[in-house]
Amino acid sequence: MNKKRQNESPEEKVAILKRRMVKTVPISDLSDELGLHPAVFSRWQTQFFKNGARAFTGSQDARSAMDGFHRIGGLRSGMRRKPFTRGI
């Protein structure tokens, strides 16, 4: 069975990392929920910290990214979680 590759936007990646690092959601829970391999989170976290200084430059790009981050966070918090059902 082939899976279609997901391409999360940078804003979605930050929102997912926030859930992992700030809200301390276990990687296993995020992996199951989002269908991502646990190694993906380590790669995203490395990229996030490598490029994190851009958030403090005061540039328009940084402000736009933070606006998107807050927008995604608001959308995700308003989403209802689908109950798990086991296929028979």
Foldseek 3Di string as FASTA:
>chain_A
DDDDDDDDDPLVLVLLLCCCPVVVDDLVVVCVQVVDDSVVNVVSVVVCVVPVVVCVPPDPVNVVSVVSNVVVNVVVVPDDDDDDDDDD
